[in-house]
Amino acid sequence: MTPDNQESLIDSQPDGMTIVIPAYNEEGAIQETLEALKDVLPRLGRTTEVLVVDDGSTDSTVELARAAGVRVIRHPVNSGYGKSLMTGILAATHDTIAIVDADGTYPISRLVELAATYDRGFQMVVGSRRGKHFDGSRITWLQRAVFRFLAEFASGRHIPDINSGFRIFDRRPVLEVRSSFSTGFSFTTTLTLLFLLTHLHVTYVPVEYHPRIGRTKVRKLKDSLRALQIIITFFAQFNPAKLFLLLLIVCWAGNVVVGFFAWALYATSLPFSVGLLIGWNTGCIIMACTALSLLLLKPSINMERLMEICSIGDTGHRRRI
C-alpha cells in the first residue's frame, strides 16, 4: 500500500526512535500494550526507546510499566494528555517520536508499516483510524466532519484523521513551537495542523481502531471546544484570508435563511422580522471586522525556521542531522 499515492522521497538509514506512551489509570491495558510493543520492536530495524509517561495514576499503572522494564516518567498530579506527550517528547533520547495510547485501541503491529513509510522521507506519518469502533454516534460523526472541513479548508489538504493518537513524527518542529500546544486531548490536532500548514511532508496509513479497555478520559464538550479554538487560531495565524472568506460565506448563507424567516414573519410581526435582520447583519459586521483585523496579523510561528530545523532542501528530502 502506498499512502496517498505519494512517491518515495528519500532512501536512507533509519534514525533511532522513542515510543512515547501516555497513561492515566490504564492498569487494565498497559501490560498488554507493552507486551505487544515488545514483539514489534525487533522488526523496526533501529535503536528504540520505550517511554511511558504516567499522568498521576492512582492505580497500578506505574508498577506494571516498571515491571515490564521500560523507562517511566511520572507526573505527581494529573496534568492532561497533551502535557504527558510533551513530557515524553522533551525527555526522549531520539528526534524521531512514535506515540501510541495505552488503552488497547491501536494495532501496535502496524507501527512497522508506519516506520517504513516514515523512512521514505516524511516528517509525520499518521495512523488514520477506521472501523465501527471509531465511527461512533451520529453526533460524534458530525462533530468530526465539521472539524475536518475547517482543517482541510485551512490547510488545502485532505485530512483523513486530524487527531489520531497513533503516529510517528520528527520532534524538532514541536520543540520549536512547544508553547503553542494544548495540555489536553487537542494536542494531536495542533500537531496535525502545525505540520500541514508549515508544508512539512505528512501522509496517512489506514489502521483498524479497536474498542477501548477501561474508561475513557475524554471530556467531549470541553475538548471539542478546545479543538475548535485551536483550528480557528491556526486559521488566523496561517491563512486569515480563507477565514475571512469562510465568514463571508456563513454570513451570506445566514442572510438567506434569516431573510426567509423575516419574510415569513413580516405579516404577523414586523418589528420582530426587522429586528431579526438587523441583529444578524450586526453580527456579520462584527465577524467581518474581526476577520479583517486578523488579516493584519503576522504568524507567530516562523515557517522558514521550521523548514530549516527539519533540514528540508529544495528537493523536499529530510536530511539526517
C-alpha atoms as a PDB file:
ATOM      1  CA  MET A   1       0.000   0.000   0.000  1.00  0.00           C
ATOM      2  CA  THR A   2       1.230   3.475  -0.861  1.00  0.00           C
ATOM      3  CA  PRO A   3      -0.449   6.073   1.425  1.00  0.00           C
ATOM      4  CA  ASP A   4      -1.978   8.936  -0.545  1.00  0.00           C
ATOM      5  CA  ASN A   5      -0.240   7.508  -3.650  1.00  0.00           C
ATOM      6  CA  GLN A   6       2.819   9.587  -2.822  1.00  0.00           C
ATOM      7  CA  GLU A   7       6.158   8.621  -4.311  1.00  0.00           C
ATOM      8  CA  SER A   8       9.167   7.809  -2.164  1.00  0.00           C
ATOM      9  CA  LEU A   9      11.032  10.912  -1.113  1.00  0.00           C
ATOM     10  CA  ILE A  10      14.328   9.554   0.196  1.00  0.00           C
ATOM     11  CA  ASP A  11      16.215   6.336   0.906  1.00  0.00           C
ATOM     12  CA  SER A  12      18.450   6.444   3.942  1.00  0.00           C
ATOM     13  CA  GLN A  13      19.318   4.625   7.134  1.00  0.00           C
ATOM     14  CA  PRO A  14      16.588   4.901   9.781  1.00  0.00           C
ATOM     15  CA  ASP A  15      17.054   7.078  12.846  1.00  0.00           C
ATOM     16  CA  GLY A  16      16.600   5.820  16.379  1.00  0.00           C
ATOM     17  CA  MET A  17      13.051   6.099  17.704  1.00  0.00           C
ATOM     18  CA  THR A  18      11.484   6.888  21.067  1.00  0.00           C
ATOM     19  CA  ILE A  19       8.000   5.448  21.556  1.00  0.00           C
ATOM     20  CA  VAL A  20       6.046   7.634  23.964  1.00  0.00           C
ATOM     21  CA  ILE A  21       3.028   6.109  25.719  1.00  0.00           C
ATOM     22  CA  PRO A  22       0.902   8.490  27.798  1.00  0.00           C
ATOM     23  CA  ALA A  23      -1.020   6.664  30.518  1.00  0.00           C
ATOM     24  CA  TYR A  24      -3.546   7.623  33.173  1.00  0.00           C
ATOM     25  CA  ASN A  25      -5.152   4.832  35.212  1.00  0.00           C
ATOM     26  CA  GLU A  26      -4.585   2.258  32.470  1.00  0.00           C
ATOM     27  CA  GLU A  27      -3.828  -0.804  34.606  1.00  0.00           C
ATOM     28  CA  GLY A  28      -6.273  -2.843  32.527  1.00  0.00           C
ATOM     29  CA  ALA A  29      -4.367  -2.356  29.278  1.00  0.00           C
ATOM     30  CA  ILE A  30      -0.810  -1.128  29.933  1.00  0.00           C
ATOM     31  CA  GLN A  31       0.680  -4.602  30.297  1.00  0.00           C
ATOM     32  CA  GLU A  32      -0.949  -5.860  27.100  1.00  0.00           C
ATOM     33  CA  THR A  33       0.184  -2.721  25.281  1.00  0.00           C
ATOM     34  CA  LEU A  34       3.810  -3.127  26.341  1.00  0.00           C
ATOM     35  CA  GLU A  35       3.836  -6.838  25.518  1.00  0.00           C
ATOM     36  CA  ALA A  36       2.531  -6.108  22.012  1.00  0.00           C
ATOM     37  CA  LEU A  37       5.165  -3.412  21.616  1.00  0.00           C
ATOM     38  CA  LYS A  38       7.905  -5.801  22.766  1.00  0.00           C
ATOM     39  CA  ASP A  39       7.032  -8.129  19.885  1.00  0.00           C
ATOM     40  CA  VAL A  40       7.189  -5.250  17.385  1.00  0.00           C
ATOM     41  CA  LEU A  41      10.475  -3.587  18.417  1.00  0.00           C
ATOM     42  CA  PRO A  42      12.859  -6.102  16.756  1.00  0.00           C
ATOM     43  CA  ARG A  43      11.022  -5.599  13.444  1.00  0.00           C
ATOM     44  CA  LEU A  44      11.557  -1.830  13.423  1.00  0.00           C
ATOM     45  CA  GLY A  45      15.204  -2.210  12.392  1.00  0.00           C
ATOM     46  CA  ARG A  46      16.565   0.636  14.522  1.00  0.00           C
ATOM     47  CA  THR A  47      17.569   1.634  18.022  1.00  0.00           C
ATOM     48  CA  THR A  48      14.436   2.126  20.101  1.00  0.00           C
ATOM     49  CA  GLU A  49      13.433   3.516  23.460  1.00  0.00           C
ATOM     50  CA  VAL A  50      10.069   2.917  25.138  1.00  0.00           C
ATOM     51  CA  LEU A  51       8.947   5.721  27.430  1.00  0.00           C
ATOM     52  CA  VAL A  52       5.765   5.547  29.499  1.00  0.00           C
ATOM     53  CA  VAL A  53       4.613   8.890  30.880  1.00  0.00           C
ATOM     54  CA  ASP A  54       2.250   8.288  33.781  1.00  0.00           C
ATOM     55  CA  ASP A  55      -0.085  11.233  34.332  1.00  0.00           C
ATOM     56  CA  GLY A  56      -0.662  10.889  38.076  1.00  0.00           C
ATOM     57  CA  SER A  57      -2.350   7.481  38.020  1.00  0.00           C
ATOM     58  CA  THR A  58      -3.945   6.248  41.236  1.00  0.00           C
ATOM     59  CA  ASP A  59      -3.989   2.584  40.213  1.00  0.00           C
ATOM     60  CA  SER A  60      -1.150   0.133  39.459  1.00  0.00           C
ATOM     61  CA  THR A  61      -0.240   1.565  36.036  1.00  0.00           C
ATOM     62  CA  VAL A  62       3.236   2.686  37.146  1.00  0.00           C
ATOM     63  CA  GLU A  63       4.084  -0.598  38.847  1.00  0.00           C
ATOM     64  CA  LEU A  64       3.041  -2.622  35.804  1.00  0.00           C
ATOM     65  CA  ALA A  65       5.041  -0.398  33.450  1.00  0.00           C
ATOM     66  CA  ARG A  66       8.169  -0.621  35.581  1.00  0.00           C
ATOM     67  CA  ALA A  67       7.791  -4.383  35.854  1.00  0.00           C
ATOM     68  CA  ALA A  68       7.871  -4.517  32.046  1.00  0.00           C
ATOM     69  CA  GLY A  69      11.354  -2.985  32.137  1.00  0.00           C
ATOM     70  CA  VAL A  70      10.602   0.225  30.248  1.00  0.00           C
ATOM     71  CA  ARG A  71      11.534   3.773  31.146  1.00  0.00           C
ATOM     72  CA  VAL A  72       8.840   5.504  33.214  1.00  0.00           C
ATOM     73  CA  ILE A  73       8.340   9.195  33.978  1.00  0.00           C
ATOM     74  CA  ARG A  74       5.625  10.104  36.460  1.00  0.00           C
ATOM     75  CA  HIS A  75       3.651  13.326  36.881  1.00  0.00           C
ATOM     76  CA  PRO A  76       2.844  13.983  40.559  1.00  0.00           C
ATOM     77  CA  VAL A  77      -0.701  15.054  39.573  1.00  0.00           C
ATOM     78  CA  ASN A  78      -2.954  14.553  36.579  1.00  0.00           C
ATOM     79  CA  SER A  79      -1.860  17.223  34.087  1.00  0.00           C
ATOM     80  CA  GLY A  80      -3.505  16.208  30.825  1.00  0.00           C
ATOM     81  CA  TYR A  81      -2.906  14.045  27.763  1.00  0.00           C
ATOM     82  CA  GLY A  82      -1.045  16.765  25.876  1.00  0.00           C
ATOM     83  CA  LYS A  83       1.175  17.519  28.851  1.00  0.00           C
ATOM     84  CA  SER A  84       2.100  13.826  29.078  1.00  0.00           C
ATOM     85  CA  LEU A  85       3.020  13.731  25.400  1.00  0.00           C
ATOM     86  CA  MET A  86       5.122  16.878  25.681  1.00  0.00           C
ATOM     87  CA  THR A  87       6.910  15.476  28.732  1.00  0.00           C
ATOM     88  CA  GLY A  88       7.789  12.385  26.719  1.00  0.00           C
ATOM     89  CA  ILE A  89       8.852  14.378  23.667  1.00  0.00           C
ATOM     90  CA  LEU A  90      11.149  16.581  25.750  1.00  0.00           C
ATOM     91  CA  ALA A  91      12.665  13.620  27.600  1.00  0.00           C
ATOM     92  CA  ALA A  92      13.108  11.389  24.534  1.00  0.00           C
ATOM     93  CA  THR A  93      16.566  10.215  23.532  1.00  0.00           C
ATOM     94  CA  HIS A  94      15.769  10.383  19.808  1.00  0.00           C
ATOM     95  CA  ASP A  95      14.313  13.061  17.499  1.00  0.00           C
ATOM     96  CA  THR A  96      12.008  10.530  15.860  1.00  0.00           C
ATOM     97  CA  ILE A  97       8.963  10.094  18.085  1.00  0.00           C
ATOM     98  CA  ALA A  98       6.215   7.496  17.901  1.00  0.00           C
ATOM     99  CA  ILE A  99       3.135   7.906  20.072  1.00  0.00           C
ATOM    100  CA  VAL A 100       0.507   5.311  20.912  1.00  0.00           C
ATOM    101  CA  ASP A 101      -2.175   5.179  23.588  1.00  0.00           C
ATOM    102  CA  ALA A 102      -2.091   2.672  26.437  1.00  0.00           C
ATOM    103  CA  ASP A 103      -5.763   1.684  26.166  1.00  0.00           C
ATOM    104  CA  GLY A 104      -5.604  -1.071  23.535  1.00  0.00           C
ATOM    105  CA  THR A 105      -7.330   0.931  20.785  1.00  0.00           C
ATOM    106  CA  TYR A 106      -4.476   0.948  18.257  1.00  0.00           C
ATOM    107  CA  PRO A 107      -2.981  -2.067  16.423  1.00  0.00           C
ATOM    108  CA  ILE A 108       0.609  -1.733  17.574  1.00  0.00           C
ATOM    109  CA  SER A 109       1.783  -4.277  14.999  1.00  0.00           C
ATOM    110  CA  ARG A 110       1.111  -1.620  12.331  1.00  0.00           C
ATOM    111  CA  LEU A 111       3.905   0.502  13.806  1.00  0.00           C
ATOM    112  CA  VAL A 112       6.269  -1.370  11.492  1.00  0.00           C
ATOM    113  CA  GLU A 113       4.380  -0.093   8.435  1.00  0.00           C
ATOM    114  CA  LEU A 114       4.248   3.440   9.805  1.00  0.00           C
ATOM    115  CA  ALA A 115       8.013   3.360  10.416  1.00  0.00           C
ATOM    116  CA  ALA A 116       8.761   2.073   6.910  1.00  0.00           C
ATOM    117  CA  THR A 117       6.657   4.890   5.454  1.00  0.00           C
ATOM    118  CA  TYR A 118       8.340   7.480   7.676  1.00  0.00           C
ATOM    119  CA  ASP A 119      11.760   6.317   6.457  1.00  0.00           C
ATOM    120  CA  ARG A 120      10.803   7.364   2.924  1.00  0.00           C
ATOM    121  CA  GLY A 121      11.325  10.977   3.994  1.00  0.00           C
ATOM    122  CA  PHE A 122       8.091  12.119   5.616  1.00  0.00           C
ATOM    123  CA  GLN A 123       8.126  14.378   8.655  1.00  0.00           C
ATOM    124  CA  MET A 124       4.978  12.721  10.018  1.00  0.00           C
ATOM    125  CA  VAL A 125       3.060   9.507   9.358  1.00  0.00           C
ATOM    126  CA  VAL A 126      -0.376   9.182  10.943  1.00  0.00           C
ATOM    127  CA  GLY A 127      -2.323   6.019  11.645  1.00  0.00           C
ATOM    128  CA  SER A 128      -5.729   7.019  10.255  1.00  0.00           C
ATOM    129  CA  ARG A 129      -8.437   5.257  12.249  1.00  0.00           C
ATOM    130  CA  ARG A 130     -11.093   3.085  10.597  1.00  0.00           C
ATOM    131  CA  GLY A 131     -13.867   0.749  11.703  1.00  0.00           C
ATOM    132  CA  LYS A 132     -17.120   0.679  13.656  1.00  0.00           C
ATOM    133  CA  HIS A 133     -15.448   1.445  16.985  1.00  0.00           C
ATOM    134  CA  PHE A 134     -14.111   4.706  15.575  1.00  0.00           C
ATOM    135  CA  ASP A 135     -17.246   5.858  13.739  1.00  0.00           C
ATOM    136  CA  GLY A 136     -19.252   6.357  16.939  1.00  0.00           C
ATOM    137  CA  SER A 137     -22.611   8.117  17.158  1.00  0.00           C
ATOM    138  CA  ARG A 138     -24.114  10.493  14.594  1.00  0.00           C
ATOM    139  CA  ILE A 139     -23.254  13.449  16.802  1.00  0.00           C
ATOM    140  CA  THR A 140     -19.627  12.322  17.001  1.00  0.00           C
ATOM    141  CA  TRP A 141     -19.547  11.822  13.232  1.00  0.00           C
ATOM    142  CA  LEU A 142     -20.989  15.304  12.635  1.00  0.00           C
ATOM    143  CA  GLN A 143     -18.509  16.896  15.034  1.00  0.00           C
ATOM    144  CA  ARG A 144     -15.574  15.224  13.280  1.00  0.00           C
ATOM    145  CA  ALA A 145     -16.950  16.222   9.874  1.00  0.00           C
ATOM    146  CA  VAL A 146     -17.127  19.904  10.889  1.00  0.00           C
ATOM    147  CA  PHE A 147     -13.612  19.902  12.326  1.00  0.00           C
ATOM    148  CA  ARG A 148     -12.251  18.040   9.318  1.00  0.00           C
ATOM    149  CA  PHE A 149     -13.882  20.511   6.917  1.00  0.00           C
ATOM    150  CA  LEU A 150     -12.400  23.510   8.765  1.00  0.00           C
ATOM    151  CA  ALA A 151      -8.943  21.939   8.962  1.00  0.00           C
ATOM    152  CA  GLU A 152      -8.970  20.891   5.303  1.00  0.00           C
ATOM    153  CA  PHE A 153     -10.219  24.300   4.218  1.00  0.00           C
ATOM    154  CA  ALA A 154      -7.411  25.976   6.190  1.00  0.00           C
ATOM    155  CA  SER A 155      -4.630  23.669   5.009  1.00  0.00           C
ATOM    156  CA  GLY A 156      -5.793  22.859   1.493  1.00  0.00           C
ATOM    157  CA  ARG A 157      -5.033  19.197   2.217  1.00  0.00           C
ATOM    158  CA  HIS A 158      -7.163  16.097   2.670  1.00  0.00           C
ATOM    159  CA  ILE A 159      -7.053  15.062   6.343  1.00  0.00           C
ATOM    160  CA  PRO A 160      -8.447  11.559   6.937  1.00  0.00           C
ATOM    161  CA  ASP A 161      -7.900  11.747  10.721  1.00  0.00           C
ATOM    162  CA  ILE A 162      -6.977  15.028  12.392  1.00  0.00           C
ATOM    163  CA  ASN A 163      -6.424  13.807  15.958  1.00  0.00           C
ATOM    164  CA  SER A 164      -5.206  10.227  15.816  1.00  0.00           C
ATOM    165  CA  GLY A 165      -3.040   9.256  18.778  1.00  0.00           C
ATOM    166  CA  PHE A 166      -1.033   6.761  16.718  1.00  0.00           C
ATOM    167  CA  ARG A 167       1.695   8.427  14.645  1.00  0.00           C
ATOM    168  CA  ILE A 168       5.415   8.896  14.030  1.00  0.00           C
ATOM    169  CA  PHE A 169       6.921  12.352  13.612  1.00  0.00           C
ATOM    170  CA  ASP A 170      10.019  14.497  13.815  1.00  0.00           C
ATOM    171  CA  ARG A 171      10.005  16.244  17.176  1.00  0.00           C
ATOM    172  CA  ARG A 172      12.100  19.260  16.121  1.00  0.00           C
ATOM    173  CA  PRO A 173       9.190  21.364  14.778  1.00  0.00           C
ATOM    174  CA  VAL A 174       7.309  20.594  18.006  1.00  0.00           C
ATOM    175  CA  LEU A 175      10.182  21.762  20.197  1.00  0.00           C
ATOM    176  CA  GLU A 176      10.416  24.978  18.202  1.00  0.00           C
ATOM    177  CA  VAL A 177       6.810  25.999  18.996  1.00  0.00           C
ATOM    178  CA  ARG A 178       6.031  23.942  22.086  1.00  0.00           C
ATOM    179  CA  SER A 179       4.228  26.825  23.823  1.00  0.00           C
ATOM    180  CA  SER A 180       1.521  26.615  21.122  1.00  0.00           C
ATOM    181  CA  PHE A 181       0.449  23.120  22.182  1.00  0.00           C
ATOM    182  CA  SER A 182      -2.528  22.241  24.343  1.00  0.00           C
ATOM    183  CA  THR A 183      -2.070  20.187  27.507  1.00  0.00           C
ATOM    184  CA  GLY A 184      -5.278  18.283  26.751  1.00  0.00           C
ATOM    185  CA  PHE A 185      -6.574  15.970  24.048  1.00  0.00           C
ATOM    186  CA  SER A 186      -6.281  18.718  21.425  1.00  0.00           C
ATOM    187  CA  PHE A 187      -2.505  18.184  21.350  1.00  0.00           C
ATOM    188  CA  THR A 188      -2.707  15.894  18.326  1.00  0.00           C
ATOM    189  CA  THR A 189      -4.996  18.318  16.476  1.00  0.00           C
ATOM    190  CA  THR A 190      -2.370  21.024  16.953  1.00  0.00           C
ATOM    191  CA  LEU A 191       0.327  18.619  15.798  1.00  0.00           C
ATOM    192  CA  THR A 192      -1.512  17.828  12.567  1.00  0.00           C
ATOM    193  CA  LEU A 193      -2.210  21.470  11.725  1.00  0.00           C
ATOM    194  CA  LEU A 194       1.335  22.578  12.567  1.00  0.00           C
ATOM    195  CA  PHE A 195       2.899  20.118  10.144  1.00  0.00           C
ATOM    196  CA  LEU A 196       0.372  20.660   7.342  1.00  0.00           C
ATOM    197  CA  LEU A 197       0.261  24.451   7.496  1.00  0.00           C
ATOM    198  CA  THR A 198       4.053  24.701   7.507  1.00  0.00           C
ATOM    199  CA  HIS A 199       4.169  22.454   4.423  1.00  0.00           C
ATOM    200  CA  LEU A 200       6.026  19.583   6.051  1.00  0.00           C
ATOM    201  CA  HIS A 201       5.582  16.151   4.492  1.00  0.00           C
ATOM    202  CA  VAL A 202       2.650  14.288   6.074  1.00  0.00           C
ATOM    203  CA  THR A 203       0.927  11.087   4.993  1.00  0.00           C
ATOM    204  CA  TYR A 204      -1.626   8.628   6.380  1.00  0.00           C
ATOM    205  CA  VAL A 205      -1.796   4.867   6.805  1.00  0.00           C
ATOM    206  CA  PRO A 206      -5.283   3.405   7.470  1.00  0.00           C
ATOM    207  CA  VAL A 207      -5.451   1.339  10.686  1.00  0.00           C
ATOM    208  CA  GLU A 208      -8.258  -0.534  12.394  1.00  0.00           C
ATOM    209  CA  TYR A 209      -9.463   1.114  15.618  1.00  0.00           C
ATOM    210  CA  HIS A 210     -10.228  -1.309  18.466  1.00  0.00           C
ATOM    211  CA  PRO A 211     -12.622  -0.983  21.425  1.00  0.00           C
ATOM    212  CA  ARG A 212     -11.110   0.769  24.407  1.00  0.00           C
ATOM    213  CA  ILE A 213     -10.051  -1.132  27.510  1.00  0.00           C
ATOM    214  CA  GLY A 214     -11.168   0.800  30.592  1.00  0.00           C
ATOM    215  CA  ARG A 215     -12.955   4.127  30.991  1.00  0.00           C
ATOM    216  CA  THR A 216     -12.422   6.994  28.559  1.00  0.00           C
ATOM    217  CA  LYS A 217     -10.804  10.199  29.855  1.00  0.00           C
ATOM    218  CA  VAL A 218     -12.120  12.387  27.028  1.00  0.00           C
ATOM    219  CA  ARG A 219     -14.433  15.258  28.067  1.00  0.00           C
ATOM    220  CA  LYS A 220     -16.339  15.684  24.818  1.00  0.00           C
ATOM    221  CA  LEU A 221     -17.715  19.219  25.191  1.00  0.00           C
ATOM    222  CA  LYS A 222     -14.618  20.789  26.725  1.00  0.00           C
ATOM    223  CA  ASP A 223     -12.173  19.013  24.431  1.00  0.00           C
ATOM    224  CA  SER A 224     -14.290  19.765  21.351  1.00  0.00           C
ATOM    225  CA  LEU A 225     -14.418  23.478  22.160  1.00  0.00           C
ATOM    226  CA  ARG A 226     -10.663  23.485  22.713  1.00  0.00           C
ATOM    227  CA  ALA A 227     -10.095  21.755  19.365  1.00  0.00           C
ATOM    228  CA  LEU A 228     -12.301  24.319  17.632  1.00  0.00           C
ATOM    229  CA  GLN A 229     -10.339  27.136  19.277  1.00  0.00           C
ATOM    230  CA  ILE A 230      -7.068  25.643  18.030  1.00  0.00           C
ATOM    231  CA  ILE A 231      -8.332  25.281  14.452  1.00  0.00           C
ATOM    232  CA  ILE A 232      -9.529  28.894  14.365  1.00  0.00           C
ATOM    233  CA  THR A 233      -6.240  30.088  15.891  1.00  0.00           C
ATOM    234  CA  PHE A 234      -4.240  28.323  13.180  1.00  0.00           C
ATOM    235  CA  PHE A 235      -6.634  29.729  10.586  1.00  0.00           C
ATOM    236  CA  ALA A 236      -5.819  33.224  11.838  1.00  0.00           C
ATOM    237  CA  GLN A 237      -2.093  32.523  12.022  1.00  0.00           C
ATOM    238  CA  PHE A 238      -1.559  30.949   8.635  1.00  0.00           C
ATOM    239  CA  ASN A 239      -4.483  31.744   6.358  1.00  0.00           C
ATOM    240  CA  PRO A 240      -6.597  34.674   7.613  1.00  0.00           C
ATOM    241  CA  ALA A 241      -7.810  35.397   4.067  1.00  0.00           C
ATOM    242  CA  LYS A 242      -9.525  31.999   3.981  1.00  0.00           C
ATOM    243  CA  LEU A 243     -11.015  32.665   7.406  1.00  0.00           C
ATOM    244  CA  PHE A 244     -12.415  35.945   6.093  1.00  0.00           C
ATOM    245  CA  LEU A 245     -13.844  34.163   3.045  1.00  0.00           C
ATOM    246  CA  LEU A 246     -15.437  31.481   5.218  1.00  0.00           C
ATOM    247  CA  LEU A 247     -17.089  34.121   7.409  1.00  0.00           C
ATOM    248  CA  LEU A 248     -18.445  35.867   4.314  1.00  0.00           C
ATOM    249  CA  ILE A 249     -19.963  32.601   3.088  1.00  0.00           C
ATOM    250  CA  VAL A 250     -21.525  31.945   6.514  1.00  0.00           C
ATOM    251  CA  CYS A 251     -22.936  35.479   6.633  1.00  0.00           C
ATOM    252  CA  TRP A 252     -24.353  35.223   3.112  1.00  0.00           C
ATOM    253  CA  ALA A 253     -25.933  31.832   3.755  1.00  0.00           C
ATOM    254  CA  GLY A 254     -27.268  33.064   7.087  1.00  0.00           C
ATOM    255  CA  ASN A 255     -28.777  36.102   5.427  1.00  0.00           C
ATOM    256  CA  VAL A 256     -30.669  33.869   3.022  1.00  0.00           C
ATOM    257  CA  VAL A 257     -32.101  31.805   5.879  1.00  0.00           C
ATOM    258  CA  VAL A 258     -32.799  34.762   8.177  1.00  0.00           C
ATOM    259  CA  GLY A 259     -34.305  36.708   5.275  1.00  0.00           C
ATOM    260  CA  PHE A 260     -36.687  33.855   4.552  1.00  0.00           C
ATOM    261  CA  PHE A 261     -37.889  33.729   8.170  1.00  0.00           C
ATOM    262  CA  ALA A 262     -38.164  37.529   8.313  1.00  0.00           C
ATOM    263  CA  TRP A 263     -40.315  37.489   5.171  1.00  0.00           C
ATOM    264  CA  ALA A 264     -42.474  34.709   6.630  1.00  0.00           C
ATOM    265  CA  LEU A 265     -42.977  36.662   9.862  1.00  0.00           C
ATOM    266  CA  TYR A 266     -43.465  40.036   8.181  1.00  0.00           C
ATOM    267  CA  ALA A 267     -47.254  39.818   8.087  1.00  0.00           C
ATOM    268  CA  THR A 268     -47.613  38.877  11.762  1.00  0.00           C
ATOM    269  CA  SER A 269     -44.736  40.725  13.427  1.00  0.00           C
ATOM    270  CA  LEU A 270     -42.987  43.490  11.519  1.00  0.00           C
ATOM    271  CA  PRO A 271     -40.811  44.661  14.459  1.00  0.00           C
ATOM    272  CA  PHE A 272     -39.596  41.116  15.109  1.00  0.00           C
ATOM    273  CA  SER A 273     -38.728  40.444  11.466  1.00  0.00           C
ATOM    274  CA  VAL A 274     -36.855  43.759  11.169  1.00  0.00           C
ATOM    275  CA  GLY A 275     -35.045  43.115  14.426  1.00  0.00           C
ATOM    276  CA  LEU A 276     -34.063  39.643  13.231  1.00  0.00           C
ATOM    277  CA  LEU A 277     -32.467  41.067  10.097  1.00  0.00           C
ATOM    278  CA  ILE A 278     -30.705  43.884  11.968  1.00  0.00           C
ATOM    279  CA  GLY A 279     -29.400  41.509  14.643  1.00  0.00           C
ATOM    280  CA  TRP A 280     -28.000  39.002  12.166  1.00  0.00           C
ATOM    281  CA  ASN A 281     -26.347  41.627   9.963  1.00  0.00           C
ATOM    282  CA  THR A 282     -24.837  43.352  13.003  1.00  0.00           C
ATOM    283  CA  GLY A 283     -23.300  40.043  13.981  1.00  0.00           C
ATOM    284  CA  CYS A 284     -21.952  39.607  10.451  1.00  0.00           C
ATOM    285  CA  ILE A 285     -20.373  43.062  10.546  1.00  0.00           C
ATOM    286  CA  ILE A 286     -18.662  42.233  13.848  1.00  0.00           C
ATOM    287  CA  MET A 287     -17.344  38.932  12.442  1.00  0.00           C
ATOM    288  CA  ALA A 288     -16.128  40.683   9.285  1.00  0.00           C
ATOM    289  CA  CYS A 289     -14.289  43.349  11.289  1.00  0.00           C
ATOM    290  CA  THR A 290     -12.668  40.625  13.392  1.00  0.00           C
ATOM    291  CA  ALA A 291     -11.573  38.759  10.268  1.00  0.00           C
ATOM    292  CA  LEU A 292     -10.175  41.953   8.741  1.00  0.00           C
ATOM    293  CA  SER A 293      -8.115  42.562  11.859  1.00  0.00           C
ATOM    294  CA  LEU A 294      -6.765  39.021  11.593  1.00  0.00           C
ATOM    295  CA  LEU A 295      -5.580  39.799   8.073  1.00  0.00           C
ATOM    296  CA  LEU A 296      -3.146  42.284   9.606  1.00  0.00           C
ATOM    297  CA  LEU A 297      -1.602  39.715  11.930  1.00  0.00           C
ATOM    298  CA  LYS A 298       1.691  38.028  11.138  1.00  0.00           C
ATOM    299  CA  PRO A 299       2.176  34.366  12.047  1.00  0.00           C
ATOM    300  CA  SER A 300       3.971  33.909  15.365  1.00  0.00           C
ATOM    301  CA  ILE A 301       5.204  30.559  14.011  1.00  0.00           C
ATOM    302  CA  ASN A 302       8.096  31.004  11.604  1.00  0.00           C
ATOM    303  CA  MET A 303       7.591  28.583   8.702  1.00  0.00           C
ATOM    304  CA  GLU A 304      11.065  29.167   7.288  1.00  0.00           C
ATOM    305  CA  ARG A 305      12.575  28.361  10.658  1.00  0.00           C
ATOM    306  CA  LEU A 306      10.635  25.108  10.874  1.00  0.00           C
ATOM    307  CA  MET A 307      11.766  24.106   7.394  1.00  0.00           C
ATOM    308  CA  GLU A 308      15.352  24.929   8.362  1.00  0.00           C
ATOM    309  CA  ILE A 309      15.416  22.877  11.552  1.00  0.00           C
ATOM    310  CA  CYS A 310      13.939  19.931   9.675  1.00  0.00           C
ATOM    311  CA  SER A 311      16.765  20.339   7.143  1.00  0.00           C
ATOM    312  CA  ILE A 312      14.434  20.286   4.143  1.00  0.00           C
ATOM    313  CA  GLY A 313      16.142  21.307   0.954  1.00  0.00           C
ATOM    314  CA  ASP A 314      14.718  22.201  -2.451  1.00  0.00           C
ATOM    315  CA  THR A 315      14.284  18.516  -3.258  1.00  0.00           C
ATOM    316  CA  GLY A 316      11.940  18.026  -0.297  1.00  0.00           C
ATOM    317  CA  HIS A 317      14.258  15.480   1.319  1.00  0.00           C
ATOM    318  CA  ARG A 318      14.680  15.192   5.067  1.00  0.00           C
ATOM    319  CA  ARG A 319      18.414  15.100   5.763  1.00  0.00           C
ATOM    320  CA  ARG A 320      19.713  13.365   8.876  1.00  0.00           C
ATOM    321  CA  ILE A 321      21.484  15.560  11.387  1.00  0.00           C
END
